[in-house]
């Protein structure tokens, strides 16, 4: 028997918000405004819900891993660049929010099939690389985690390609 699509994401979101609230209370320098908690909960819930939605009828471990890696990378990308934009660290940070949109559009056009998802995540990695290349001269600090996110998107594309190969066997 399968659980509902929203139950596990809701539990994960509640846990993450609780963890952040405890850290906010006891960790020096961790001073979140109330909207940060809501955004964290919304991102974790949305990521978990989309994961459940995309993988509920898929048995391929490679496909499940690819979806998880892609969603985790997108969550980190959105969170990190939202914080950088809000703190004034990187004035181009909001440009990176285009990256997940590229992935979603290409994935939807491909009907979430493994081969199309591989193309979608390669396109997402390419968009990440292009925006990173454009913003790097003005904000060298953008390379760190944005570079890691680029690698995660490319890794997810490779996993989707592998899932497509498993399916064709």
Protein backbone atom coordinates (compact mmCIF):
# COMPACT_ATOMS: atom_id res chain seq x y z
CA UNK A 1 0.00 0.00 0.00
CA UNK A 2 1.39 3.39 -0.98
CA UNK A 3 1.21 6.40 1.26
CA UNK A 4 -0.28 9.65 0.09
CA UNK A 5 1.90 11.98 -1.96
CA UNK A 6 1.94 14.74 0.64
CA UNK A 7 2.54 12.83 3.89
CA UNK A 8 6.31 12.19 3.70
CA UNK A 9 7.13 15.62 2.21
CA UNK A 10 5.13 17.27 5.00
CA UNK A 11 7.01 15.29 7.65
CA UNK A 12 10.38 16.11 6.04
CA UNK A 13 9.48 19.81 5.77
CA UNK A 14 8.33 19.94 9.39
CA UNK A 15 11.54 18.22 10.52
CA UNK A 16 13.76 20.64 8.57
CA UNK A 17 11.90 23.70 9.88
CA UNK A 18 12.11 22.33 13.43
CA UNK A 19 15.83 21.68 13.01
CA UNK A 20 16.35 25.23 11.70
CA UNK A 21 14.28 26.66 14.57
CA UNK A 22 16.39 24.80 17.14
CA UNK A 23 19.57 26.00 15.43
CA UNK A 24 18.19 29.55 15.34
CA UNK A 25 17.62 29.37 19.07
CA UNK A 26 20.95 27.82 20.12
CA UNK A 27 23.58 28.61 17.44
CA UNK A 28 25.32 31.98 17.64
CA UNK A 29 25.07 33.95 14.41
CA UNK A 30 22.09 31.96 13.14
CA UNK A 31 19.52 34.71 12.97
CA UNK A 32 16.78 33.83 10.54
CA UNK A 33 13.81 36.03 9.84
CA UNK A 34 10.41 34.31 9.93
CA UNK A 35 10.04 34.19 6.11
CA UNK A 36 13.20 32.06 5.93
CA UNK A 37 11.49 29.28 7.88
CA UNK A 38 8.45 29.42 5.61
CA UNK A 39 10.63 29.34 2.49
CA UNK A 40 12.63 26.38 3.82
CA UNK A 41 9.44 24.46 4.61
CA UNK A 42 7.94 25.28 1.21
CA UNK A 43 11.07 24.24 -0.69
CA UNK A 44 11.48 20.96 1.20
CA UNK A 45 7.78 20.14 0.89
CA UNK A 46 7.70 20.99 -2.83
CA UNK A 47 10.86 18.97 -3.51
CA UNK A 48 9.54 15.96 -1.62
CA UNK A 49 6.14 16.18 -3.30
CA UNK A 50 7.67 16.39 -6.77
CA UNK A 51 9.97 13.47 -5.94
CA UNK A 52 6.98 11.37 -4.85
CA UNK A 53 5.02 12.41 -7.94
CA UNK A 54 7.81 11.58 -10.40
CA UNK A 55 8.95 8.32 -8.82
CA UNK A 56 5.76 6.73 -7.52
CA UNK A 57 5.44 4.35 -10.46
CA UNK A 58 9.13 3.95 -11.34
CA UNK A 59 11.16 0.96 -10.18
CA UNK A 60 14.52 2.11 -11.59
CA UNK A 61 16.97 3.01 -8.84
CA UNK A 62 18.97 5.14 -11.29
CA UNK A 63 15.85 7.15 -12.18
CA UNK A 64 14.96 7.66 -8.50
CA UNK A 65 18.51 8.73 -7.69
CA UNK A 66 18.58 11.09 -10.66
CA UNK A 67 15.34 12.76 -9.56
CA UNK A 68 16.62 13.06 -5.99
CA UNK A 69 19.96 14.56 -7.04
CA UNK A 70 18.28 17.01 -9.45
CA UNK A 71 15.76 18.16 -6.85
CA UNK A 72 18.42 18.50 -4.15
CA UNK A 73 20.60 20.54 -6.51
CA UNK A 74 17.65 22.77 -7.43
CA UNK A 75 16.75 23.26 -3.76
CA UNK A 76 20.33 24.22 -2.88
CA UNK A 77 20.54 26.51 -5.92
CA UNK A 78 17.33 28.36 -5.07
CA UNK A 79 18.12 28.63 -1.37
CA UNK A 80 21.74 29.69 -1.81
CA UNK A 81 21.05 32.33 -4.42
CA UNK A 82 18.06 33.68 -2.53
CA UNK A 83 20.30 34.20 0.49
CA UNK A 84 23.08 35.75 -1.62
CA UNK A 85 20.61 38.14 -3.25
CA UNK A 86 19.03 39.09 0.08
CA UNK A 87 22.41 39.66 1.74
CA UNK A 88 23.80 41.62 -1.20
CA UNK A 89 26.70 39.16 -1.58
CA UNK A 90 26.06 38.53 -5.28
CA UNK A 91 24.01 41.08 -7.19
CA UNK A 92 23.52 38.57 -10.03
CA UNK A 93 22.25 35.76 -7.78
CA UNK A 94 18.66 35.98 -8.98
CA UNK A 95 19.81 35.14 -12.53
CA UNK A 96 20.45 31.60 -11.30
CA UNK A 97 16.72 31.16 -10.67
CA UNK A 98 16.34 30.78 -14.45
CA UNK A 99 18.24 27.48 -14.26
CA UNK A 100 15.53 25.33 -12.63
CA UNK A 101 12.96 26.83 -15.01
CA UNK A 102 15.01 25.54 -17.97
CA UNK A 103 15.05 22.06 -16.43
CA UNK A 104 11.32 22.03 -15.70
CA UNK A 105 10.36 23.20 -19.19
CA UNK A 106 12.56 20.67 -21.01
CA UNK A 107 11.52 17.88 -18.61
CA UNK A 108 7.83 18.61 -19.18
CA UNK A 109 8.29 18.64 -22.94
CA UNK A 110 10.05 15.25 -22.68
CA UNK A 111 7.14 13.87 -20.60
CA UNK A 112 9.59 12.95 -17.85
CA UNK A 113 10.93 9.97 -19.79
CA UNK A 114 14.55 9.03 -18.93
CA UNK A 115 16.13 10.05 -22.25
CA UNK A 116 14.30 13.38 -22.24
CA UNK A 117 15.14 13.94 -18.60
CA UNK A 118 18.82 13.36 -19.40
CA UNK A 119 18.56 16.10 -22.05
CA UNK A 120 16.69 18.33 -19.60
CA UNK A 121 19.38 18.00 -16.94
CA UNK A 122 22.20 18.51 -19.45
CA UNK A 123 20.37 21.67 -20.57
CA UNK A 124 20.02 22.68 -16.92
CA UNK A 125 23.73 22.12 -16.33
CA UNK A 126 24.52 24.14 -19.46
CA UNK A 127 22.28 27.01 -18.28
CA UNK A 128 24.01 26.89 -14.89
CA UNK A 129 27.43 27.00 -16.57
CA UNK A 130 26.47 29.90 -18.84
CA UNK A 131 25.06 32.03 -16.03
CA UNK A 132 28.06 31.16 -13.88
CA UNK A 133 30.42 32.22 -16.71
CA UNK A 134 28.52 35.49 -17.17
CA UNK A 135 28.47 36.38 -13.46
CA UNK A 136 31.89 35.08 -12.45
CA UNK A 137 33.91 38.20 -13.42
CA UNK A 138 31.65 40.43 -11.33
CA UNK A 139 31.24 37.98 -8.45
CA UNK A 140 34.07 35.42 -8.08
CA UNK A 141 32.48 34.10 -4.86
CA UNK A 142 29.65 32.68 -6.98
CA UNK A 143 31.87 29.82 -8.16
CA UNK A 144 31.87 27.72 -4.96
CA UNK A 145 28.47 26.14 -4.41
CA UNK A 146 27.23 27.13 -7.85
CA UNK A 147 30.01 24.97 -9.29
CA UNK A 148 28.94 22.08 -7.07
CA UNK A 149 25.33 22.51 -8.21
CA UNK A 150 26.53 22.43 -11.83
CA UNK A 151 28.26 19.09 -11.17
CA UNK A 152 25.12 17.74 -9.45
CA UNK A 153 22.94 18.67 -12.44
CA UNK A 154 25.40 16.97 -14.82
CA UNK A 155 25.55 13.91 -12.54
CA UNK A 156 21.77 13.72 -12.51
CA UNK A 157 21.76 13.82 -16.32
CA UNK A 158 24.17 10.88 -16.40
CA UNK A 159 21.93 8.95 -14.00
CA UNK A 160 18.89 9.65 -16.19
CA UNK A 161 20.82 8.41 -19.21
CA UNK A 162 21.67 5.24 -17.31
CA UNK A 163 18.00 4.82 -16.34
CA UNK A 164 17.10 5.08 -20.02
CA UNK A 165 19.65 2.41 -20.88
CA UNK A 166 18.27 0.10 -18.16
CA UNK A 167 14.80 0.57 -19.56
CA UNK A 168 15.85 -0.37 -23.09
CA UNK A 169 17.50 -3.64 -22.01
